[in-house]
PDB file of N, CA and C in Angstrom:
ATOM      1  N   MET A   1       0.831  -1.178   0.000  1.00  0.00           N
ATOM      2  CA  MET A   1       0.000   0.000   0.000  1.00  0.00           C
ATOM      3  C   MET A   1       0.874   1.239   0.000  1.00  0.00           C
ATOM      4  N   VAL A   2       0.436   2.228  -0.746  1.00  0.00           N
ATOM      5  CA  VAL A   2       1.086   3.527  -0.777  1.00  0.00           C
ATOM      6  C   VAL A   2       0.051   4.568  -0.386  1.00  0.00           C
ATOM      7  N   VAL A   3       0.409   5.454   0.548  1.00  0.00           N
ATOM      8  CA  VAL A   3      -0.451   6.577   0.902  1.00  0.00           C
ATOM      9  C   VAL A   3       0.373   7.841   0.702  1.00  0.00           C
ATOM     10  N   SER A   4      -0.139   8.750  -0.111  1.00  0.00           N
ATOM     11  CA  SER A   4       0.542  10.019  -0.354  1.00  0.00           C
ATOM     12  C   SER A   4      -0.329  11.157   0.143  1.00  0.00           C
ATOM     13  N   ASN A   5       0.257  12.003   0.975  1.00  0.00           N
ATOM     14  CA  ASN A   5      -0.435  13.170   1.498  1.00  0.00           C
ATOM     15  C   ASN A   5       0.326  14.399   1.018  1.00  0.00           C
ATOM     16  N   VAL A   6      -0.297  15.177   0.153  1.00  0.00           N
ATOM     17  CA  VAL A   6       0.373  16.334  -0.427  1.00  0.00           C
ATOM     18  C   VAL A   6      -0.346  17.607   0.003  1.00  0.00           C
ATOM     19  N   PRO A   7       0.341  18.460   0.777  1.00  0.00           N
ATOM     20  CA  PRO A   7      -0.274  19.742   1.108  1.00  0.00           C
ATOM     21  C   PRO A   7      -0.206  20.657  -0.117  1.00  0.00           C
ATOM     22  N   GLY A   8      -1.356  21.077  -0.581  1.00  0.00           N
ATOM     23  CA  GLY A   8      -1.421  21.962  -1.736  1.00  0.00           C
ATOM     24  C   GLY A   8      -1.523  23.409  -1.311  1.00  0.00           C
ATOM     25  N   PRO A   9      -1.770  24.288  -2.257  1.00  0.00           N
ATOM     26  CA  PRO A   9      -1.892  25.713  -1.947  1.00  0.00           C
ATOM     27  C   PRO A   9      -3.033  25.990  -0.969  1.00  0.00           C
ATOM     28  N   ARG A  10      -2.798  26.888  -0.045  1.00  0.00           N
ATOM     29  CA  ARG A  10      -3.821  27.227   0.956  1.00  0.00           C
ATOM     30  C   ARG A  10      -4.901  28.138   0.394  1.00  0.00           C
ATOM     31  N   GLY A  11      -4.569  28.851  -0.649  1.00  0.00           N
ATOM     32  CA  GLY A  11      -5.534  29.742  -1.294  1.00  0.00           C
ATOM     33  C   GLY A  11      -5.751  29.327  -2.734  1.00  0.00           C
ATOM     34  N   PRO A  12      -6.673  29.987  -3.430  1.00  0.00           N
ATOM     35  CA  PRO A  12      -6.974  29.609  -4.809  1.00  0.00           C
ATOM     36  C   PRO A  12      -5.800  29.843  -5.751  1.00  0.00           C
ATOM     37  N   VAL A  13      -5.739  29.018  -6.780  1.00  0.00           N
ATOM     38  CA  VAL A  13      -4.721  29.120  -7.822  1.00  0.00           C
ATOM     39  C   VAL A  13      -5.454  29.436  -9.127  1.00  0.00           C
ATOM     40  N   TYR A  14      -4.814  30.222  -9.964  1.00  0.00           N
ATOM     41  CA  TYR A  14      -5.425  30.622 -11.234  1.00  0.00           C
ATOM     42  C   TYR A  14      -4.588  30.131 -12.397  1.00  0.00           C
ATOM     43  N   PHE A  15      -5.253  29.722 -13.449  1.00  0.00           N
ATOM     44  CA  PHE A  15      -4.627  29.337 -14.706  1.00  0.00           C
ATOM     45  C   PHE A  15      -5.088  30.382 -15.713  1.00  0.00           C
ATOM     46  N   GLY A  16      -4.203  31.330 -15.995  1.00  0.00           N
ATOM     47  CA  GLY A  16      -4.642  32.503 -16.737  1.00  0.00           C
ATOM     48  C   GLY A  16      -5.573  33.282 -15.834  1.00  0.00           C
ATOM     49  N   GLU A  17      -6.777  33.547 -16.301  1.00  0.00           N
ATOM     50  CA  GLU A  17      -7.755  34.261 -15.478  1.00  0.00           C
ATOM     51  C   GLU A  17      -8.791  33.333 -14.865  1.00  0.00           C
ATOM     52  N   LYS A  18      -8.645  32.038 -15.094  1.00  0.00           N
ATOM     53  CA  LYS A  18      -9.611  31.064 -14.587  1.00  0.00           C
ATOM     54  C   LYS A  18      -9.131  30.474 -13.266  1.00  0.00           C
ATOM     55  N   ARG A  19     -10.017  30.486 -12.268  1.00  0.00           N
ATOM     56  CA  ARG A  19      -9.702  29.919 -10.959  1.00  0.00           C
ATOM     57  C   ARG A  19      -9.860  28.404 -11.016  1.00  0.00           C
ATOM     58  N   LEU A  20      -8.856  27.698 -10.526  1.00  0.00           N
ATOM     59  CA  LEU A  20      -8.957  26.244 -10.433  1.00  0.00           C
ATOM     60  C   LEU A  20      -9.836  25.895  -9.239  1.00  0.00           C
ATOM     61  N   ARG A  21     -10.922  25.204  -9.483  1.00  0.00           N
ATOM     62  CA  ARG A  21     -11.829  24.837  -8.399  1.00  0.00           C
ATOM     63  C   ARG A  21     -11.386  23.557  -7.703  1.00  0.00           C
ATOM     64  N   GLN A  22     -10.733  22.675  -8.443  1.00  0.00           N
ATOM     65  CA  GLN A  22     -10.310  21.392  -7.884  1.00  0.00           C
ATOM     66  C   GLN A  22      -8.929  21.033  -8.413  1.00  0.00           C
ATOM     67  N   ILE A  23      -8.174  20.335  -7.595  1.00  0.00           N
ATOM     68  CA  ILE A  23      -6.879  19.799  -8.007  1.00  0.00           C
ATOM     69  C   ILE A  23      -6.820  18.369  -7.497  1.00  0.00           C
ATOM     70  N   MET A  24      -6.263  17.471  -8.279  1.00  0.00           N
ATOM     71  CA  MET A  24      -6.114  16.075  -7.852  1.00  0.00           C
ATOM     72  C   MET A  24      -4.809  15.536  -8.402  1.00  0.00           C
ATOM     73  N   PHE A  25      -4.245  14.568  -7.724  1.00  0.00           N
ATOM     74  CA  PHE A  25      -3.043  13.907  -8.207  1.00  0.00           C
ATOM     75  C   PHE A  25      -3.175  12.413  -7.957  1.00  0.00           C
ATOM     76  N   TRP A  26      -2.389  11.643  -8.656  1.00  0.00           N
ATOM     77  CA  TRP A  26      -2.310  10.199  -8.428  1.00  0.00           C
ATOM     78  C   TRP A  26      -0.849   9.837  -8.254  1.00  0.00           C
ATOM     79  N   GLU A  27      -0.590   9.031  -7.253  1.00  0.00           N
ATOM     80  CA  GLU A  27       0.776   8.608  -6.992  1.00  0.00           C
ATOM     81  C   GLU A  27       1.244   7.658  -8.099  1.00  0.00           C
ATOM     82  N   PRO A  28       2.555   7.541  -8.264  1.00  0.00           N
ATOM     83  CA  PRO A  28       3.079   6.606  -9.265  1.00  0.00           C
ATOM     84  C   PRO A  28       2.581   5.187  -8.986  1.00  0.00           C
ATOM     85  N   HIS A  29       2.512   4.389 -10.016  1.00  0.00           N
ATOM     86  CA  HIS A  29       1.969   3.040  -9.896  1.00  0.00           C
ATOM     87  C   HIS A  29       3.061   2.003 -10.143  1.00  0.00           C
ATOM     88  N   PRO A  30       3.895   1.742  -9.126  1.00  0.00           N
ATOM     89  CA  PRO A  30       4.908   0.697  -9.296  1.00  0.00           C
ATOM     90  C   PRO A  30       4.236  -0.669  -9.424  1.00  0.00           C
ATOM     91  N   GLY A  31       4.898  -1.592 -10.068  1.00  0.00           N
ATOM     92  CA  GLY A  31       4.340  -2.886 -10.431  1.00  0.00           C
ATOM     93  C   GLY A  31       3.590  -3.679  -9.381  1.00  0.00           C
ATOM     94  N   ARG A  32       4.076  -3.790  -8.172  1.00  0.00           N
ATOM     95  CA  ARG A  32       3.459  -4.686  -7.197  1.00  0.00           C
ATOM     96  C   ARG A  32       2.625  -4.011  -6.120  1.00  0.00           C
ATOM     97  N   VAL A  33       2.358  -2.751  -6.254  1.00  0.00           N
ATOM     98  CA  VAL A  33       1.540  -2.054  -5.262  1.00  0.00           C
ATOM     99  C   VAL A  33       0.076  -2.274  -5.627  1.00  0.00           C
ATOM    100  N   GLY A  34      -0.679  -2.892  -4.713  1.00  0.00           N
ATOM    101  CA  GLY A  34      -2.068  -3.227  -5.001  1.00  0.00           C
ATOM    102  C   GLY A  34      -3.074  -2.222  -4.504  1.00  0.00           C
ATOM    103  N   LEU A  35      -2.646  -1.304  -3.624  1.00  0.00           N
ATOM    104  CA  LEU A  35      -3.582  -0.340  -3.058  1.00  0.00           C
ATOM    105  C   LEU A  35      -2.866   0.995  -2.886  1.00  0.00           C
ATOM    106  N   ALA A  36      -3.506   2.071  -3.315  1.00  0.00           N
ATOM    107  CA  ALA A  36      -2.912   3.394  -3.184  1.00  0.00           C
ATOM    108  C   ALA A  36      -3.993   4.401  -2.826  1.00  0.00           C
ATOM    109  N   MET A  37      -3.677   5.277  -1.907  1.00  0.00           N
ATOM    110  CA  MET A  37      -4.568   6.357  -1.495  1.00  0.00           C
ATOM    111  C   MET A  37      -3.834   7.676  -1.715  1.00  0.00           C
ATOM    112  N   SER A  38      -4.526   8.643  -2.298  1.00  0.00           N
ATOM    113  CA  SER A  38      -3.942   9.968  -2.447  1.00  0.00           C
ATOM    114  C   SER A  38      -4.796  10.964  -1.673  1.00  0.00           C
ATOM    115  N   ILE A  39      -4.131  11.845  -0.943  1.00  0.00           N
ATOM    116  CA  ILE A  39      -4.791  12.862  -0.127  1.00  0.00           C
ATOM    117  C   ILE A  39      -4.151  14.202  -0.472  1.00  0.00           C
ATOM    118  N   LEU A  40      -4.977  15.171  -0.839  1.00  0.00           N
ATOM    119  CA  LEU A  40      -4.471  16.480  -1.243  1.00  0.00           C
ATOM    120  C   LEU A  40      -5.329  17.568  -0.615  1.00  0.00           C
ATOM    121  N   THR A  41      -4.683  18.538   0.016  1.00  0.00           N
ATOM    122  CA  THR A  41      -5.418  19.700   0.509  1.00  0.00           C
ATOM    123  C   THR A  41      -5.239  20.832  -0.490  1.00  0.00           C
ATOM    124  N   TYR A  42      -6.321  21.593  -0.700  1.00  0.00           N
ATOM    125  CA  TYR A  42      -6.267  22.731  -1.612  1.00  0.00           C
ATOM    126  C   TYR A  42      -7.349  23.726  -1.229  1.00  0.00           C
ATOM    127  N   ASP A  43      -6.950  24.936  -0.955  1.00  0.00           N
ATOM    128  CA  ASP A  43      -7.875  26.043  -0.713  1.00  0.00           C
ATOM    129  C   ASP A  43      -8.947  25.686   0.322  1.00  0.00           C
ATOM    130  N   GLY A  44      -8.520  25.062   1.423  1.00  0.00           N
ATOM    131  CA  GLY A  44      -9.434  24.747   2.514  1.00  0.00           C
ATOM    132  C   GLY A  44     -10.231  23.463   2.342  1.00  0.00           C
ATOM    133  N   THR A  45      -9.943  22.678   1.317  1.00  0.00           N
ATOM    134  CA  THR A  45     -10.644  21.415   1.102  1.00  0.00           C
ATOM    135  C   THR A  45      -9.661  20.255   1.126  1.00  0.00           C
ATOM    136  N   ILE A  46     -10.191  19.059   1.332  1.00  0.00           N
ATOM    137  CA  ILE A  46      -9.380  17.843   1.271  1.00  0.00           C
ATOM    138  C   ILE A  46      -9.946  16.961   0.177  1.00  0.00           C
ATOM    139  N   ARG A  47      -9.085  16.498  -0.722  1.00  0.00           N
ATOM    140  CA  ARG A  47      -9.464  15.595  -1.801  1.00  0.00           C
ATOM    141  C   ARG A  47      -8.831  14.248  -1.541  1.00  0.00           C
ATOM    142  N   MET A  48      -9.588  13.191  -1.753  1.00  0.00           N
ATOM    143  CA  MET A  48      -9.057  11.838  -1.577  1.00  0.00           C
ATOM    144  C   MET A  48      -9.358  11.015  -2.811  1.00  0.00           C
ATOM    145  N   GLY A  49      -8.427  10.136  -3.129  1.00  0.00           N
ATOM    146  CA  GLY A  49      -8.626   9.210  -4.231  1.00  0.00           C
ATOM    147  C   GLY A  49      -8.078   7.855  -3.847  1.00  0.00           C
ATOM    148  N   ALA A  50      -8.606   6.821  -4.463  1.00  0.00           N
ATOM    149  CA  ALA A  50      -8.137   5.460  -4.190  1.00  0.00           C
ATOM    150  C   ALA A  50      -7.966   4.710  -5.504  1.00  0.00           C
ATOM    151  N   ARG A  51      -6.943   3.895  -5.538  1.00  0.00           N
ATOM    152  CA  ARG A  51      -6.710   2.998  -6.658  1.00  0.00           C
ATOM    153  C   ARG A  51      -6.423   1.645  -6.041  1.00  0.00           C
ATOM    154  N   ALA A  52      -7.133   0.632  -6.488  1.00  0.00           N
ATOM    155  CA  ALA A  52      -6.969  -0.685  -5.874  1.00  0.00           C
ATOM    156  C   ALA A  52      -6.995  -1.782  -6.920  1.00  0.00           C
ATOM    157  N   ASP A  53      -6.166  -2.766  -6.705  1.00  0.00           N
ATOM    158  CA  ASP A  53      -6.181  -3.972  -7.516  1.00  0.00           C
ATOM    159  C   ASP A  53      -7.452  -4.748  -7.169  1.00  0.00           C
ATOM    160  N   GLU A  54      -8.107  -5.323  -8.153  1.00  0.00           N
ATOM    161  CA  GLU A  54      -9.338  -6.070  -7.895  1.00  0.00           C
ATOM    162  C   GLU A  54      -9.121  -7.245  -6.947  1.00  0.00           C
ATOM    163  N   GLY A  55      -7.890  -7.733  -6.838  1.00  0.00           N
ATOM    164  CA  GLY A  55      -7.591  -8.812  -5.909  1.00  0.00           C
ATOM    165  C   GLY A  55      -7.642  -8.368  -4.458  1.00  0.00           C
ATOM    166  N   ILE A  56      -7.586  -7.065  -4.216  1.00  0.00           N
ATOM    167  CA  ILE A  56      -7.629  -6.529  -2.856  1.00  0.00           C
ATOM    168  C   ILE A  56      -9.043  -6.087  -2.495  1.00  0.00           C
ATOM    169  N   THR A  57      -9.673  -5.342  -3.385  1.00  0.00           N
ATOM    170  CA  THR A  57     -11.053  -4.906  -3.157  1.00  0.00           C
ATOM    171  C   THR A  57     -11.708  -4.596  -4.493  1.00  0.00           C
ATOM    172  N   ASP A  58     -12.978  -4.872  -4.592  1.00  0.00           N
ATOM    173  CA  ASP A  58     -13.701  -4.514  -5.809  1.00  0.00           C
ATOM    174  C   ASP A  58     -14.475  -3.207  -5.619  1.00  0.00           C
ATOM    175  N   ASP A  59     -14.276  -2.553  -4.457  1.00  0.00           N
ATOM    176  CA  ASP A  59     -14.995  -1.316  -4.165  1.00  0.00           C
ATOM    177  C   ASP A  59     -14.075  -0.265  -3.532  1.00  0.00           C
ATOM    178  N   PRO A  60     -13.177   0.369  -4.326  1.00  0.00           N
ATOM    179  CA  PRO A  60     -12.289   1.385  -3.756  1.00  0.00           C
ATOM    180  C   PRO A  60     -13.059   2.596  -3.226  1.00  0.00           C
ATOM    181  N   HIS A  61     -14.260   2.834  -3.724  1.00  0.00           N
ATOM    182  CA  HIS A  61     -15.069   3.950  -3.214  1.00  0.00           C
ATOM    183  C   HIS A  61     -15.399   3.739  -1.729  1.00  0.00           C
ATOM    184  N   ARG A  62     -15.597   2.495  -1.343  1.00  0.00           N
ATOM    185  CA  ARG A  62     -15.862   2.173   0.068  1.00  0.00           C
ATOM    186  C   ARG A  62     -14.649   2.520   0.930  1.00  0.00           C
ATOM    187  N   LEU A  63     -13.447   2.253   0.416  1.00  0.00           N
ATOM    188  CA  LEU A  63     -12.225   2.610   1.153  1.00  0.00           C
ATOM    189  C   LEU A  63     -12.156   4.114   1.382  1.00  0.00           C
ATOM    190  N   VAL A  64     -12.470   4.881   0.343  1.00  0.00           N
ATOM    191  CA  VAL A  64     -12.448   6.338   0.477  1.00  0.00           C
ATOM    192  C   VAL A  64     -13.483   6.780   1.505  1.00  0.00           C
ATOM    193  N   ALA A  65     -14.670   6.189   1.467  1.00  0.00           N
ATOM    194  CA  ALA A  65     -15.716   6.544   2.437  1.00  0.00           C
ATOM    195  C   ALA A  65     -15.257   6.271   3.862  1.00  0.00           C
ATOM    196  N   LEU A  66     -14.586   5.152   4.079  1.00  0.00           N
ATOM    197  CA  LEU A  66     -14.089   4.834   5.419  1.00  0.00           C
ATOM    198  C   LEU A  66     -13.010   5.822   5.855  1.00  0.00           C
ATOM    199  N   PHE A  67     -12.108   6.182   4.961  1.00  0.00           N
ATOM    200  CA  PHE A  67     -11.089   7.181   5.289  1.00  0.00           C
ATOM    201  C   PHE A  67     -11.744   8.517   5.606  1.00  0.00           C
ATOM    202  N   GLU A  68     -12.763   8.898   4.835  1.00  0.00           N
ATOM    203  CA  GLU A  68     -13.468  10.153   5.102  1.00  0.00           C
ATOM    204  C   GLU A  68     -14.119  10.131   6.485  1.00  0.00           C
ATOM    205  N   GLU A  69     -14.681   8.988   6.864  1.00  0.00           N
ATOM    206  CA  GLU A  69     -15.279   8.853   8.202  1.00  0.00           C
ATOM    207  C   GLU A  69     -14.247   9.107   9.288  1.00  0.00           C
ATOM    208  N   VAL A  70     -13.100   8.451   9.152  1.00  0.00           N
ATOM    209  CA  VAL A  70     -12.042   8.585  10.151  1.00  0.00           C
ATOM    210  C   VAL A  70     -11.544  10.021  10.191  1.00  0.00           C
ATOM    211  N   LEU A  71     -11.328  10.633   9.024  1.00  0.00           N
ATOM    212  CA  LEU A  71     -10.855  12.023   8.979  1.00  0.00           C
ATOM    213  C   LEU A  71     -11.846  12.960   9.638  1.00  0.00           C
ATOM    214  N   SER A  72     -13.129  12.757   9.403  1.00  0.00           N
ATOM    215  CA  SER A  72     -14.107  13.670   9.996  1.00  0.00           C
ATOM    216  C   SER A  72     -14.100  13.565  11.517  1.00  0.00           C
ATOM    217  N   VAL A  73     -13.911  12.370  12.037  1.00  0.00           N
ATOM    218  CA  VAL A  73     -13.822  12.192  13.500  1.00  0.00           C
ATOM    219  C   VAL A  73     -12.561  12.868  14.032  1.00  0.00           C
ATOM    220  N   LEU A  74     -11.438  12.673  13.339  1.00  0.00           N
ATOM    221  CA  LEU A  74     -10.186  13.283  13.773  1.00  0.00           C
ATOM    222  C   LEU A  74     -10.237  14.805  13.720  1.00  0.00           C
ATOM    223  N   LEU A  75     -10.840  15.356  12.680  1.00  0.00           N
ATOM    224  CA  LEU A  75     -10.896  16.810  12.522  1.00  0.00           C
ATOM    225  C   LEU A  75     -11.857  17.455  13.505  1.00  0.00           C
ATOM    226  N   GLU A  76     -12.880  16.715  13.933  1.00  0.00           N
ATOM    227  CA  GLU A  76     -13.823  17.250  14.929  1.00  0.00           C
ATOM    228  C   GLU A  76     -13.213  17.286  16.319  1.00  0.00           C
ATOM    229  N   GLY A  77     -12.375  16.312  16.633  1.00  0.00           N
ATOM    230  CA  GLY A  77     -11.844  16.201  17.983  1.00  0.00           C
ATOM    231  C   GLY A  77     -10.506  16.770  18.076  1.00  0.00           C
TER     232      GLY A  77
END
């Protein structure tokens, strides 16, 4: 498993005159890594993504939901 946490810009970023509303990244995919989570903060928001080999889970969205649950508890307390 690989987990990458990247602190992004604290305020909005512009591309020309257009404000970027969302930013996302994906960690590199080395051959034998079956599960990867990416976490990115940007302009006061947290973005999460998951990539999983079907041999590990057929529902990576569920993994993200569980991480979001844990984060919300941690951020409240």
